[in-house]
Protein backbone atom coordinates (compact mmCIF):
# COMPACT_ATOMS: atom_id res chain seq x y z
CA UNK A 1 0.00 0.00 0.00
CA UNK A 2 1.44 3.41 -0.92
CA UNK A 3 2.18 5.92 1.83
CA UNK A 4 -0.59 8.35 0.82
CA UNK A 5 -3.22 5.58 0.85
CA UNK A 6 -1.87 4.24 4.14
CA UNK A 7 -2.11 7.69 5.77
CA UNK A 8 -5.64 8.19 4.44
CA UNK A 9 -6.84 4.88 5.88
CA UNK A 10 -5.10 5.59 9.18
CA UNK A 11 -6.91 8.92 9.55
CA UNK A 12 -10.20 7.47 8.30
CA UNK A 13 -10.19 4.51 10.71
CA UNK A 14 -9.24 6.77 13.65
CA UNK A 15 -12.09 9.18 12.88
CA UNK A 16 -14.51 6.30 12.36
CA UNK A 17 -13.47 4.72 15.68
CA UNK A 18 -13.98 8.03 17.50
CA UNK A 19 -17.43 8.55 16.00
CA UNK A 20 -18.49 5.00 16.83
CA UNK A 21 -17.24 5.36 20.41
CA UNK A 22 -19.19 8.62 20.66
CA UNK A 23 -22.30 7.02 19.14
CA UNK A 24 -22.80 9.91 16.73
CA UNK A 25 -22.19 8.08 13.45
CA UNK A 26 -20.66 9.79 10.45
CA UNK A 27 -21.04 13.55 10.55
CA UNK A 28 -20.51 16.29 8.00
CA UNK A 29 -17.63 17.95 9.86
CA UNK A 30 -15.04 15.15 9.66
CA UNK A 31 -12.34 17.73 8.89
CA UNK A 32 -12.79 19.14 12.42
CA UNK A 33 -11.55 15.88 13.99
CA UNK A 34 -7.75 16.03 14.36
CA UNK A 35 -6.44 12.47 14.29
CA UNK A 36 -2.96 13.43 13.05
CA UNK A 37 -1.28 11.85 16.12
CA UNK A 38 -2.36 8.48 14.66
CA UNK A 39 0.20 9.07 11.91
CA UNK A 40 3.00 10.07 14.28
CA UNK A 41 3.18 7.36 16.92
CA UNK A 42 1.65 4.08 18.00
CA UNK A 43 0.77 5.12 21.55
CA UNK A 44 -2.74 6.01 22.70
CA UNK A 45 -3.45 9.73 22.70
CA UNK A 46 -6.20 11.98 24.06
CA UNK A 47 -8.76 13.76 21.91
CA UNK A 48 -11.70 15.90 23.05
CA UNK A 49 -14.92 15.48 21.05
CA UNK A 50 -18.41 16.83 21.70
CA UNK A 51 -17.83 17.55 25.39
CA UNK A 52 -16.11 14.27 26.27
CA UNK A 53 -12.49 13.13 26.34
CA UNK A 54 -11.48 10.07 24.30
CA UNK A 55 -8.36 7.98 23.86
CA UNK A 56 -7.38 6.67 20.43
CA UNK A 57 -4.81 4.14 19.31
CA UNK A 58 -4.02 2.88 15.81
CA UNK A 59 -2.30 -0.39 14.91
CA UNK A 60 -0.43 -0.33 11.60
CA UNK A 61 0.05 -3.46 9.49
CA UNK A 62 1.42 -3.91 5.98
CA UNK A 63 -2.14 -4.80 4.88
CA UNK A 64 -3.97 -1.94 6.65
CA UNK A 65 -4.81 -0.17 9.91
CA UNK A 66 -6.98 -0.97 12.91
CA UNK A 67 -7.97 2.00 15.09
CA UNK A 68 -9.66 1.90 18.48
CA UNK A 69 -11.30 4.66 20.50
CA UNK A 70 -12.71 4.70 24.02
CA UNK A 71 -13.89 7.26 26.56
CA UNK A 72 -10.96 8.32 28.69
CA UNK A 73 -12.88 7.68 31.92
CA UNK A 74 -12.85 3.96 31.08
CA UNK A 75 -9.80 2.22 32.47
CA UNK A 76 -7.94 0.61 29.57
CA UNK A 77 -4.38 -0.40 30.40
CA UNK A 78 -3.44 -2.86 27.65
CA UNK A 79 -4.83 -3.51 24.19
CA UNK A 80 -3.88 -6.60 22.24
CA UNK A 81 -5.32 -8.70 19.46
CA UNK A 82 -6.42 -12.14 20.63
CA UNK A 83 -7.88 -15.24 19.03
CA UNK A 84 -11.53 -15.18 20.13
CA UNK A 85 -11.75 -18.99 20.21
CA UNK A 86 -8.72 -19.64 22.42
CA UNK A 87 -7.97 -16.29 24.04
CA UNK A 88 -4.34 -16.59 22.90
CA UNK A 89 -2.57 -13.36 21.82
CA UNK A 90 -2.21 -12.96 18.06
CA UNK A 91 1.35 -12.13 17.05
CA UNK A 92 0.88 -12.68 13.30
CA UNK A 93 -1.99 -11.91 10.94
CA UNK A 94 -1.80 -13.69 7.57
CA UNK A 95 1.91 -14.33 8.11
CA UNK A 96 2.66 -10.73 9.11
CA UNK A 97 3.98 -9.85 12.58
CA UNK A 98 1.94 -7.46 14.73
PDB file of N, CA and C in Angstrom:
ATOM      1  N   UNK A   1       0.848  -1.165   0.000  1.00  0.00           N
ATOM      2  CA  UNK A   1       0.000   0.000   0.000  1.00  0.00           C
ATOM      3  C   UNK A   1       0.899   1.235   0.000  1.00  0.00           C
ATOM      4  N   UNK A   2       0.607   2.219  -0.861  1.00  0.00           N
ATOM      5  CA  UNK A   2       1.442   3.415  -0.923  1.00  0.00           C
ATOM      6  C   UNK A   2       1.244   4.264   0.335  1.00  0.00           C
ATOM      7  N   UNK A   3       2.206   5.126   0.592  1.00  0.00           N
ATOM      8  CA  UNK A   3       2.184   5.925   1.829  1.00  0.00           C
ATOM      9  C   UNK A   3       0.946   6.804   1.915  1.00  0.00           C
ATOM     10  N   UNK A   4       0.566   7.451   0.808  1.00  0.00           N
ATOM     11  CA  UNK A   4      -0.587   8.347   0.817  1.00  0.00           C
ATOM     12  C   UNK A   4      -1.869   7.572   1.150  1.00  0.00           C
ATOM     13  N   UNK A   5      -2.044   6.405   0.566  1.00  0.00           N
ATOM     14  CA  UNK A   5      -3.224   5.585   0.855  1.00  0.00           C
ATOM     15  C   UNK A   5      -3.188   5.102   2.299  1.00  0.00           C
ATOM     16  N   UNK A   6      -2.020   4.700   2.773  1.00  0.00           N
ATOM     17  CA  UNK A   6      -1.869   4.240   4.145  1.00  0.00           C
ATOM     18  C   UNK A   6      -2.240   5.336   5.142  1.00  0.00           C
ATOM     19  N   UNK A   7      -1.784   6.567   4.888  1.00  0.00           N
ATOM     20  CA  UNK A   7      -2.107   7.688   5.771  1.00  0.00           C
ATOM     21  C   UNK A   7      -3.593   8.009   5.738  1.00  0.00           C
ATOM     22  N   UNK A   8      -4.205   7.957   4.549  1.00  0.00           N
ATOM     23  CA  UNK A   8      -5.643   8.195   4.436  1.00  0.00           C
ATOM     24  C   UNK A   8      -6.419   7.193   5.281  1.00  0.00           C
ATOM     25  N   UNK A   9      -6.105   5.900   5.136  1.00  0.00           N
ATOM     26  CA  UNK A   9      -6.841   4.878   5.883  1.00  0.00           C
ATOM     27  C   UNK A   9      -6.584   4.971   7.379  1.00  0.00           C
ATOM     28  N   UNK A  10      -5.394   5.394   7.769  1.00  0.00           N
ATOM     29  CA  UNK A  10      -5.097   5.590   9.182  1.00  0.00           C
ATOM     30  C   UNK A  10      -5.994   6.686   9.757  1.00  0.00           C
ATOM     31  N   UNK A  11      -6.061   7.816   9.082  1.00  0.00           N
ATOM     32  CA  UNK A  11      -6.912   8.917   9.550  1.00  0.00           C
ATOM     33  C   UNK A  11      -8.385   8.528   9.508  1.00  0.00           C
ATOM     34  N   UNK A  12      -8.798   7.865   8.433  1.00  0.00           N
ATOM     35  CA  UNK A  12     -10.203   7.469   8.300  1.00  0.00           C
ATOM     36  C   UNK A  12     -10.612   6.505   9.411  1.00  0.00           C
ATOM     37  N   UNK A  13      -9.812   5.476   9.678  1.00  0.00           N
ATOM     38  CA  UNK A  13     -10.195   4.508  10.709  1.00  0.00           C
ATOM     39  C   UNK A  13     -10.188   5.140  12.101  1.00  0.00           C
ATOM     40  N   UNK A  14      -9.270   6.085  12.347  1.00  0.00           N
ATOM     41  CA  UNK A  14      -9.236   6.769  13.646  1.00  0.00           C
ATOM     42  C   UNK A  14     -10.495   7.620  13.825  1.00  0.00           C
ATOM     43  N   UNK A  15     -10.874   8.363  12.794  1.00  0.00           N
ATOM     44  CA  UNK A  15     -12.090   9.178  12.878  1.00  0.00           C
ATOM     45  C   UNK A  15     -13.326   8.299  13.023  1.00  0.00           C
ATOM     46  N   UNK A  16     -13.377   7.221  12.273  1.00  0.00           N
ATOM     47  CA  UNK A  16     -14.510   6.303  12.356  1.00  0.00           C
ATOM     48  C   UNK A  16     -14.609   5.681  13.752  1.00  0.00           C
ATOM     49  N   UNK A  17     -13.476   5.297  14.333  1.00  0.00           N
ATOM     50  CA  UNK A  17     -13.467   4.719  15.676  1.00  0.00           C
ATOM     51  C   UNK A  17     -13.972   5.728  16.702  1.00  0.00           C
ATOM     52  N   UNK A  18     -13.538   6.985  16.586  1.00  0.00           N
ATOM     53  CA  UNK A  18     -13.982   8.027  17.499  1.00  0.00           C
ATOM     54  C   UNK A  18     -15.494   8.222  17.400  1.00  0.00           C
ATOM     55  N   UNK A  19     -16.005   8.315  16.184  1.00  0.00           N
ATOM     56  CA  UNK A  19     -17.433   8.555  16.003  1.00  0.00           C
ATOM     57  C   UNK A  19     -18.269   7.374  16.484  1.00  0.00           C
ATOM     58  N   UNK A  20     -17.776   6.173  16.316  1.00  0.00           N
ATOM     59  CA  UNK A  20     -18.491   4.997  16.834  1.00  0.00           C
ATOM     60  C   UNK A  20     -18.471   4.978  18.357  1.00  0.00           C
ATOM     61  N   UNK A  21     -17.330   5.322  18.951  1.00  0.00           N
ATOM     62  CA  UNK A  21     -17.236   5.361  20.412  1.00  0.00           C
ATOM     63  C   UNK A  21     -18.166   6.425  20.983  1.00  0.00           C
ATOM     64  N   UNK A  22     -18.331   7.517  20.243  1.00  0.00           N
ATOM     65  CA  UNK A  22     -19.191   8.619  20.662  1.00  0.00           C
ATOM     66  C   UNK A  22     -20.667   8.297  20.399  1.00  0.00           C
ATOM     67  N   UNK A  23     -20.930   7.383  19.475  1.00  0.00           N
ATOM     68  CA  UNK A  23     -22.302   7.023  19.145  1.00  0.00           C
ATOM     69  C   UNK A  23     -22.978   7.994  18.197  1.00  0.00           C
ATOM     70  N   UNK A  24     -22.197   8.894  17.593  1.00  0.00           N
ATOM     71  CA  UNK A  24     -22.799   9.912  16.733  1.00  0.00           C
ATOM     72  C   UNK A  24     -22.910   9.478  15.275  1.00  0.00           C
ATOM     73  N   UNK A  25     -22.185   8.468  14.864  1.00  0.00           N
ATOM     74  CA  UNK A  25     -22.189   8.079  13.454  1.00  0.00           C
ATOM     75  C   UNK A  25     -21.425   9.087  12.626  1.00  0.00           C
ATOM     76  N   UNK A  26     -21.393   8.871  11.332  1.00  0.00           N
ATOM     77  CA  UNK A  26     -20.662   9.786  10.452  1.00  0.00           C
ATOM     78  C   UNK A  26     -21.338  11.147  10.444  1.00  0.00           C
ATOM     79  N   UNK A  27     -20.533  12.189  10.529  1.00  0.00           N
ATOM     80  CA  UNK A  27     -21.040  13.551  10.554  1.00  0.00           C
ATOM     81  C   UNK A  27     -20.408  14.336   9.411  1.00  0.00           C
ATOM     82  N   UNK A  28     -20.996  15.478   9.113  1.00  0.00           N
ATOM     83  CA  UNK A  28     -20.511  16.289   8.001  1.00  0.00           C
ATOM     84  C   UNK A  28     -19.168  16.958   8.273  1.00  0.00           C
ATOM     85  N   UNK A  29     -18.827  17.176   9.525  1.00  0.00           N
ATOM     86  CA  UNK A  29     -17.626  17.950   9.856  1.00  0.00           C
ATOM     87  C   UNK A  29     -16.437  17.056  10.217  1.00  0.00           C
ATOM     88  N   UNK A  30     -16.171  16.053   9.402  1.00  0.00           N
ATOM     89  CA  UNK A  30     -15.038  15.152   9.660  1.00  0.00           C
ATOM     90  C   UNK A  30     -13.706  15.893   9.682  1.00  0.00           C
ATOM     91  N   UNK A  31     -13.608  16.984   8.933  1.00  0.00           N
ATOM     92  CA  UNK A  31     -12.344  17.727   8.886  1.00  0.00           C
ATOM     93  C   UNK A  31     -12.033  18.401  10.222  1.00  0.00           C
ATOM     94  N   UNK A  32     -13.013  18.521  11.116  1.00  0.00           N
ATOM     95  CA  UNK A  32     -12.788  19.139  12.424  1.00  0.00           C
ATOM     96  C   UNK A  32     -12.179  18.160  13.427  1.00  0.00           C
ATOM     97  N   UNK A  33     -12.119  16.880  13.090  1.00  0.00           N
ATOM     98  CA  UNK A  33     -11.546  15.878  13.989  1.00  0.00           C
ATOM     99  C   UNK A  33     -10.066  15.737  13.652  1.00  0.00           C
ATOM    100  N   UNK A  34      -9.196  16.088  14.593  1.00  0.00           N
ATOM    101  CA  UNK A  34      -7.753  16.032  14.357  1.00  0.00           C
ATOM    102  C   UNK A  34      -7.184  14.701  14.859  1.00  0.00           C
ATOM    103  N   UNK A  35      -7.016  13.769  13.949  1.00  0.00           N
ATOM    104  CA  UNK A  35      -6.436  12.466  14.295  1.00  0.00           C
ATOM    105  C   UNK A  35      -5.007  12.339  13.797  1.00  0.00           C
ATOM    106  N   UNK A  36      -4.344  13.465  13.537  1.00  0.00           N
ATOM    107  CA  UNK A  36      -2.959  13.434  13.052  1.00  0.00           C
ATOM    108  C   UNK A  36      -2.015  12.646  13.952  1.00  0.00           C
ATOM    109  N   UNK A  37      -2.200  12.647  15.296  1.00  0.00           N
ATOM    110  CA  UNK A  37      -1.284  11.847  16.119  1.00  0.00           C
ATOM    111  C   UNK A  37      -1.280  10.357  15.750  1.00  0.00           C
ATOM    112  N   UNK A  38      -2.336   9.872  15.107  1.00  0.00           N
ATOM    113  CA  UNK A  38      -2.364   8.476  14.664  1.00  0.00           C
ATOM    114  C   UNK A  38      -1.260   8.192  13.647  1.00  0.00           C
ATOM    115  N   UNK A  39      -0.852   9.232  12.919  1.00  0.00           N
ATOM    116  CA  UNK A  39       0.202   9.075  11.912  1.00  0.00           C
ATOM    117  C   UNK A  39       1.591   9.141  12.535  1.00  0.00           C
ATOM    118  N   UNK A  40       1.700   9.763  13.711  1.00  0.00           N
ATOM    119  CA  UNK A  40       3.005  10.066  14.279  1.00  0.00           C
ATOM    120  C   UNK A  40       3.554   9.026  15.234  1.00  0.00           C
ATOM    121  N   UNK A  41       2.677   8.365  15.989  1.00  0.00           N
ATOM    122  CA  UNK A  41       3.175   7.360  16.922  1.00  0.00           C
ATOM    123  C   UNK A  41       2.137   6.268  17.125  1.00  0.00           C
ATOM    124  N   UNK A  42       2.532   5.233  17.803  1.00  0.00           N
ATOM    125  CA  UNK A  42       1.650   4.081  17.995  1.00  0.00           C
ATOM    126  C   UNK A  42       1.090   4.014  19.413  1.00  0.00           C
ATOM    127  N   UNK A  43       1.266   5.078  20.175  1.00  0.00           N
ATOM    128  CA  UNK A  43       0.771   5.124  21.546  1.00  0.00           C
ATOM    129  C   UNK A  43      -0.634   5.725  21.574  1.00  0.00           C
ATOM    130  N   UNK A  44      -1.432   5.366  22.567  1.00  0.00           N
ATOM    131  CA  UNK A  44      -2.742   6.006  22.699  1.00  0.00           C
ATOM    132  C   UNK A  44      -2.574   7.509  22.957  1.00  0.00           C
ATOM    133  N   UNK A  45      -3.495   8.298  22.469  1.00  0.00           N
ATOM    134  CA  UNK A  45      -3.454   9.732  22.697  1.00  0.00           C
ATOM    135  C   UNK A  45      -4.858  10.239  22.995  1.00  0.00           C
ATOM    136  N   UNK A  46      -4.925  11.391  23.675  1.00  0.00           N
ATOM    137  CA  UNK A  46      -6.200  11.977  24.055  1.00  0.00           C
ATOM    138  C   UNK A  46      -6.760  12.870  22.972  1.00  0.00           C
ATOM    139  N   UNK A  47      -8.097  12.922  22.891  1.00  0.00           N
ATOM    140  CA  UNK A  47      -8.765  13.763  21.909  1.00  0.00           C
ATOM    141  C   UNK A  47     -10.133  14.168  22.445  1.00  0.00           C
ATOM    142  N   UNK A  48     -10.373  15.471  22.620  1.00  0.00           N
ATOM    143  CA  UNK A  48     -11.701  15.900  23.046  1.00  0.00           C
ATOM    144  C   UNK A  48     -12.671  15.878  21.863  1.00  0.00           C
ATOM    145  N   UNK A  49     -13.913  15.468  22.107  1.00  0.00           N
ATOM    146  CA  UNK A  49     -14.916  15.484  21.051  1.00  0.00           C
ATOM    147  C   UNK A  49     -16.298  15.593  21.679  1.00  0.00           C
ATOM    148  N   UNK A  50     -17.031  16.596  21.278  1.00  0.00           N
ATOM    149  CA  UNK A  50     -18.413  16.827  21.703  1.00  0.00           C
ATOM    150  C   UNK A  50     -18.579  16.740  23.224  1.00  0.00           C
ATOM    151  N   UNK A  51     -17.705  17.438  23.952  1.00  0.00           N
ATOM    152  CA  UNK A  51     -17.827  17.551  25.386  1.00  0.00           C
ATOM    153  C   UNK A  51     -17.305  16.376  26.192  1.00  0.00           C
ATOM    154  N   UNK A  52     -16.677  15.415  25.556  1.00  0.00           N
ATOM    155  CA  UNK A  52     -16.114  14.274  26.274  1.00  0.00           C
ATOM    156  C   UNK A  52     -14.669  14.088  25.841  1.00  0.00           C
ATOM    157  N   UNK A  53     -13.898  13.392  26.650  1.00  0.00           N
ATOM    158  CA  UNK A  53     -12.489  13.134  26.339  1.00  0.00           C
ATOM    159  C   UNK A  53     -12.338  11.672  25.946  1.00  0.00           C
ATOM    160  N   UNK A  54     -11.682  11.420  24.821  1.00  0.00           N
ATOM    161  CA  UNK A  54     -11.484  10.070  24.298  1.00  0.00           C
ATOM    162  C   UNK A  54     -10.001   9.754  24.208  1.00  0.00           C
ATOM    163  N   UNK A  55      -9.698   8.474  24.141  1.00  0.00           N
ATOM    164  CA  UNK A  55      -8.357   7.976  23.862  1.00  0.00           C
ATOM    165  C   UNK A  55      -8.454   7.219  22.539  1.00  0.00           C
ATOM    166  N   UNK A  56      -7.445   7.376  21.705  1.00  0.00           N
ATOM    167  CA  UNK A  56      -7.379   6.672  20.429  1.00  0.00           C
ATOM    168  C   UNK A  56      -6.040   5.979  20.308  1.00  0.00           C
ATOM    169  N   UNK A  57      -6.054   4.841  19.614  1.00  0.00           N
ATOM    170  CA  UNK A  57      -4.814   4.138  19.306  1.00  0.00           C
ATOM    171  C   UNK A  57      -4.997   3.429  17.975  1.00  0.00           C
ATOM    172  N   UNK A  58      -3.992   3.533  17.122  1.00  0.00           N
ATOM    173  CA  UNK A  58      -4.020   2.876  15.814  1.00  0.00           C
ATOM    174  C   UNK A  58      -2.922   1.830  15.743  1.00  0.00           C
ATOM    175  N   UNK A  59      -3.251   0.704  15.125  1.00  0.00           N
ATOM    176  CA  UNK A  59      -2.304  -0.386  14.915  1.00  0.00           C
ATOM    177  C   UNK A  59      -2.066  -0.492  13.419  1.00  0.00           C
ATOM    178  N   UNK A  60      -0.798  -0.352  13.013  1.00  0.00           N
ATOM    179  CA  UNK A  60      -0.427  -0.332  11.599  1.00  0.00           C
ATOM    180  C   UNK A  60       0.112  -1.696  11.184  1.00  0.00           C
ATOM    181  N   UNK A  61      -0.395  -2.201  10.075  1.00  0.00           N
ATOM    182  CA  UNK A  61       0.054  -3.458   9.492  1.00  0.00           C
ATOM    183  C   UNK A  61       0.370  -3.218   8.026  1.00  0.00           C
ATOM    184  N   UNK A  62       1.157  -4.065   7.401  1.00  0.00           N
ATOM    185  CA  UNK A  62       1.417  -3.906   5.975  1.00  0.00           C
ATOM    186  C   UNK A  62       0.136  -3.960   5.135  1.00  0.00           C
ATOM    187  N   UNK A  63      -0.877  -4.646   5.617  1.00  0.00           N
ATOM    188  CA  UNK A  63      -2.139  -4.799   4.883  1.00  0.00           C
ATOM    189  C   UNK A  63      -3.202  -3.786   5.256  1.00  0.00           C
ATOM    190  N   UNK A  64      -2.963  -2.926   6.271  1.00  0.00           N
ATOM    191  CA  UNK A  64      -3.968  -1.939   6.650  1.00  0.00           C
ATOM    192  C   UNK A  64      -3.792  -1.426   8.067  1.00  0.00           C
ATOM    193  N   UNK A  65      -4.839  -0.819   8.593  1.00  0.00           N
ATOM    194  CA  UNK A  65      -4.807  -0.170   9.905  1.00  0.00           C
ATOM    195  C   UNK A  65      -6.048  -0.566  10.699  1.00  0.00           C
ATOM    196  N   UNK A  66      -5.869  -0.787  11.985  1.00  0.00           N
ATOM    197  CA  UNK A  66      -6.979  -0.973  12.913  1.00  0.00           C
ATOM    198  C   UNK A  66      -6.885   0.151  13.932  1.00  0.00           C
ATOM    199  N   UNK A  67      -7.961   0.918  14.110  1.00  0.00           N
ATOM    200  CA  UNK A  67      -7.967   2.002  15.093  1.00  0.00           C
ATOM    201  C   UNK A  67      -9.055   1.746  16.129  1.00  0.00           C
ATOM    202  N   UNK A  68      -8.727   2.061  17.375  1.00  0.00           N
ATOM    203  CA  UNK A  68      -9.655   1.901  18.482  1.00  0.00           C
ATOM    204  C   UNK A  68      -9.836   3.234  19.188  1.00  0.00           C
ATOM    205  N   UNK A  69     -11.034   3.465  19.712  1.00  0.00           N
ATOM    206  CA  UNK A  69     -11.305   4.662  20.503  1.00  0.00           C
ATOM    207  C   UNK A  69     -12.161   4.270  21.688  1.00  0.00           C
ATOM    208  N   UNK A  70     -11.912   4.944  22.822  1.00  0.00           N
ATOM    209  CA  UNK A  70     -12.709   4.701  24.016  1.00  0.00           C
ATOM    210  C   UNK A  70     -12.752   5.973  24.849  1.00  0.00           C
ATOM    211  N   UNK A  71     -13.800   6.107  25.656  1.00  0.00           N
ATOM    212  CA  UNK A  71     -13.895   7.256  26.557  1.00  0.00           C
ATOM    213  C   UNK A  71     -12.776   7.171  27.575  1.00  0.00           C
ATOM    214  N   UNK A  72     -12.129   8.295  27.814  1.00  0.00           N
ATOM    215  CA  UNK A  72     -10.961   8.323  28.692  1.00  0.00           C
ATOM    216  C   UNK A  72     -11.295   7.864  30.111  1.00  0.00           C
ATOM    217  N   UNK A  73     -12.525   8.074  30.550  1.00  0.00           N
ATOM    218  CA  UNK A  73     -12.884   7.684  31.917  1.00  0.00           C
ATOM    219  C   UNK A  73     -12.937   6.170  32.098  1.00  0.00           C
ATOM    220  N   UNK A  74     -12.937   5.419  30.996  1.00  0.00           N
ATOM    221  CA  UNK A  74     -12.847   3.964  31.080  1.00  0.00           C
ATOM    222  C   UNK A  74     -11.395   3.582  31.318  1.00  0.00           C
ATOM    223  N   UNK A  75     -11.159   2.641  32.170  1.00  0.00           N
ATOM    224  CA  UNK A  75      -9.803   2.217  32.472  1.00  0.00           C
ATOM    225  C   UNK A  75      -9.355   1.150  31.465  1.00  0.00           C
ATOM    226  N   UNK A  76      -8.492   1.533  30.562  1.00  0.00           N
ATOM    227  CA  UNK A  76      -7.935   0.609  29.569  1.00  0.00           C
ATOM    228  C   UNK A  76      -6.425   0.675  29.713  1.00  0.00           C
ATOM    229  N   UNK A  77      -5.819  -0.431  30.161  1.00  0.00           N
ATOM    230  CA  UNK A  77      -4.379  -0.398  30.400  1.00  0.00           C
ATOM    231  C   UNK A  77      -3.583  -1.123  29.324  1.00  0.00           C
ATOM    232  N   UNK A  78      -4.193  -2.089  28.646  1.00  0.00           N
ATOM    233  CA  UNK A  78      -3.444  -2.863  27.650  1.00  0.00           C
ATOM    234  C   UNK A  78      -4.402  -3.314  26.563  1.00  0.00           C
ATOM    235  N   UNK A  79      -4.024  -3.081  25.317  1.00  0.00           N
ATOM    236  CA  UNK A  79      -4.830  -3.510  24.186  1.00  0.00           C
ATOM    237  C   UNK A  79      -3.995  -4.485  23.379  1.00  0.00           C
ATOM    238  N   UNK A  80      -4.572  -5.629  23.082  1.00  0.00           N
ATOM    239  CA  UNK A  80      -3.881  -6.598  22.238  1.00  0.00           C
ATOM    240  C   UNK A  80      -4.902  -7.377  21.432  1.00  0.00           C
ATOM    241  N   UNK A  81      -4.473  -7.859  20.298  1.00  0.00           N
ATOM    242  CA  UNK A  81      -5.323  -8.696  19.464  1.00  0.00           C
ATOM    243  C   UNK A  81      -5.239 -10.124  19.992  1.00  0.00           C
ATOM    244  N   UNK A  82      -6.400 -10.766  20.151  1.00  0.00           N
ATOM    245  CA  UNK A  82      -6.420 -12.140  20.634  1.00  0.00           C
ATOM    246  C   UNK A  82      -7.335 -12.988  19.757  1.00  0.00           C
ATOM    247  N   UNK A  83      -7.048 -14.268  19.722  1.00  0.00           N
ATOM    248  CA  UNK A  83      -7.885 -15.239  19.029  1.00  0.00           C
ATOM    249  C   UNK A  83      -9.138 -15.436  19.881  1.00  0.00           C
ATOM    250  N   UNK A  84     -10.298 -15.127  19.339  1.00  0.00           N
ATOM    251  CA  UNK A  84     -11.532 -15.179  20.135  1.00  0.00           C
ATOM    252  C   UNK A  84     -11.905 -16.596  20.547  1.00  0.00           C
ATOM    253  N   UNK A  85     -11.398 -17.616  19.850  1.00  0.00           N
ATOM    254  CA  UNK A  85     -11.750 -18.994  20.210  1.00  0.00           C
ATOM    255  C   UNK A  85     -10.893 -19.533  21.346  1.00  0.00           C
ATOM    256  N   UNK A  86      -9.622 -19.101  21.406  1.00  0.00           N
ATOM    257  CA  UNK A  86      -8.718 -19.637  22.423  1.00  0.00           C
ATOM    258  C   UNK A  86      -8.301 -18.605  23.472  1.00  0.00           C
ATOM    259  N   UNK A  87      -8.427 -17.330  23.136  1.00  0.00           N
ATOM    260  CA  UNK A  87      -7.970 -16.286  24.035  1.00  0.00           C
ATOM    261  C   UNK A  87      -6.477 -16.029  23.948  1.00  0.00           C
ATOM    262  N   UNK A  88      -5.788 -16.747  23.055  1.00  0.00           N
ATOM    263  CA  UNK A  88      -4.338 -16.589  22.899  1.00  0.00           C
ATOM    264  C   UNK A  88      -4.022 -15.307  22.132  1.00  0.00           C
ATOM    265  N   UNK A  89      -2.968 -14.571  22.539  1.00  0.00           N
ATOM    266  CA  UNK A  89      -2.573 -13.364  21.817  1.00  0.00           C
ATOM    267  C   UNK A  89      -2.197 -13.692  20.377  1.00  0.00           C
ATOM    268  N   UNK A  90      -2.557 -12.810  19.468  1.00  0.00           N
ATOM    269  CA  UNK A  90      -2.208 -12.964  18.056  1.00  0.00           C
ATOM    270  C   UNK A  90      -0.950 -12.148  17.797  1.00  0.00           C
ATOM    271  N   UNK A  91       0.094 -12.825  17.354  1.00  0.00           N
ATOM    272  CA  UNK A  91       1.348 -12.132  17.048  1.00  0.00           C
ATOM    273  C   UNK A  91       1.556 -12.005  15.543  1.00  0.00           C
ATOM    274  N   UNK A  92       0.798 -12.776  14.751  1.00  0.00           N
ATOM    275  CA  UNK A  92       0.878 -12.680  13.301  1.00  0.00           C
ATOM    276  C   UNK A  92      -0.521 -12.701  12.723  1.00  0.00           C
ATOM    277  N   UNK A  93      -0.739 -11.904  11.662  1.00  0.00           N
ATOM    278  CA  UNK A  93      -1.993 -11.907  10.936  1.00  0.00           C
ATOM    279  C   UNK A  93      -1.638 -12.176   9.480  1.00  0.00           C
ATOM    280  N   UNK A  94      -2.120 -13.299   8.953  1.00  0.00           N
ATOM    281  CA  UNK A  94      -1.799 -13.693   7.573  1.00  0.00           C
ATOM    282  C   UNK A  94      -0.295 -13.698   7.304  1.00  0.00           C
ATOM    283  N   UNK A  95       0.464 -14.222   8.270  1.00  0.00           N
ATOM    284  CA  UNK A  95       1.915 -14.332   8.110  1.00  0.00           C
ATOM    285  C   UNK A  95       2.677 -13.049   8.392  1.00  0.00           C
ATOM    286  N   UNK A  96       1.988 -11.989   8.838  1.00  0.00           N
ATOM    287  CA  UNK A  96       2.660 -10.729   9.107  1.00  0.00           C
ATOM    288  C   UNK A  96       2.664 -10.465  10.604  1.00  0.00           C
ATOM    289  N   UNK A  97       3.829 -10.110  11.137  1.00  0.00           N
ATOM    290  CA  UNK A  97       3.977  -9.852  12.576  1.00  0.00           C
ATOM    291  C   UNK A  97       3.247  -8.589  12.980  1.00  0.00           C
ATOM    292  N   UNK A  98       2.645  -8.616  14.175  1.00  0.00           N
ATOM    293  CA  UNK A  98       1.940  -7.455  14.733  1.00  0.00           C
ATOM    294  C   UNK A  98       2.940  -6.600  15.487  1.00  0.00           C
TER     295      UNK A  98
END
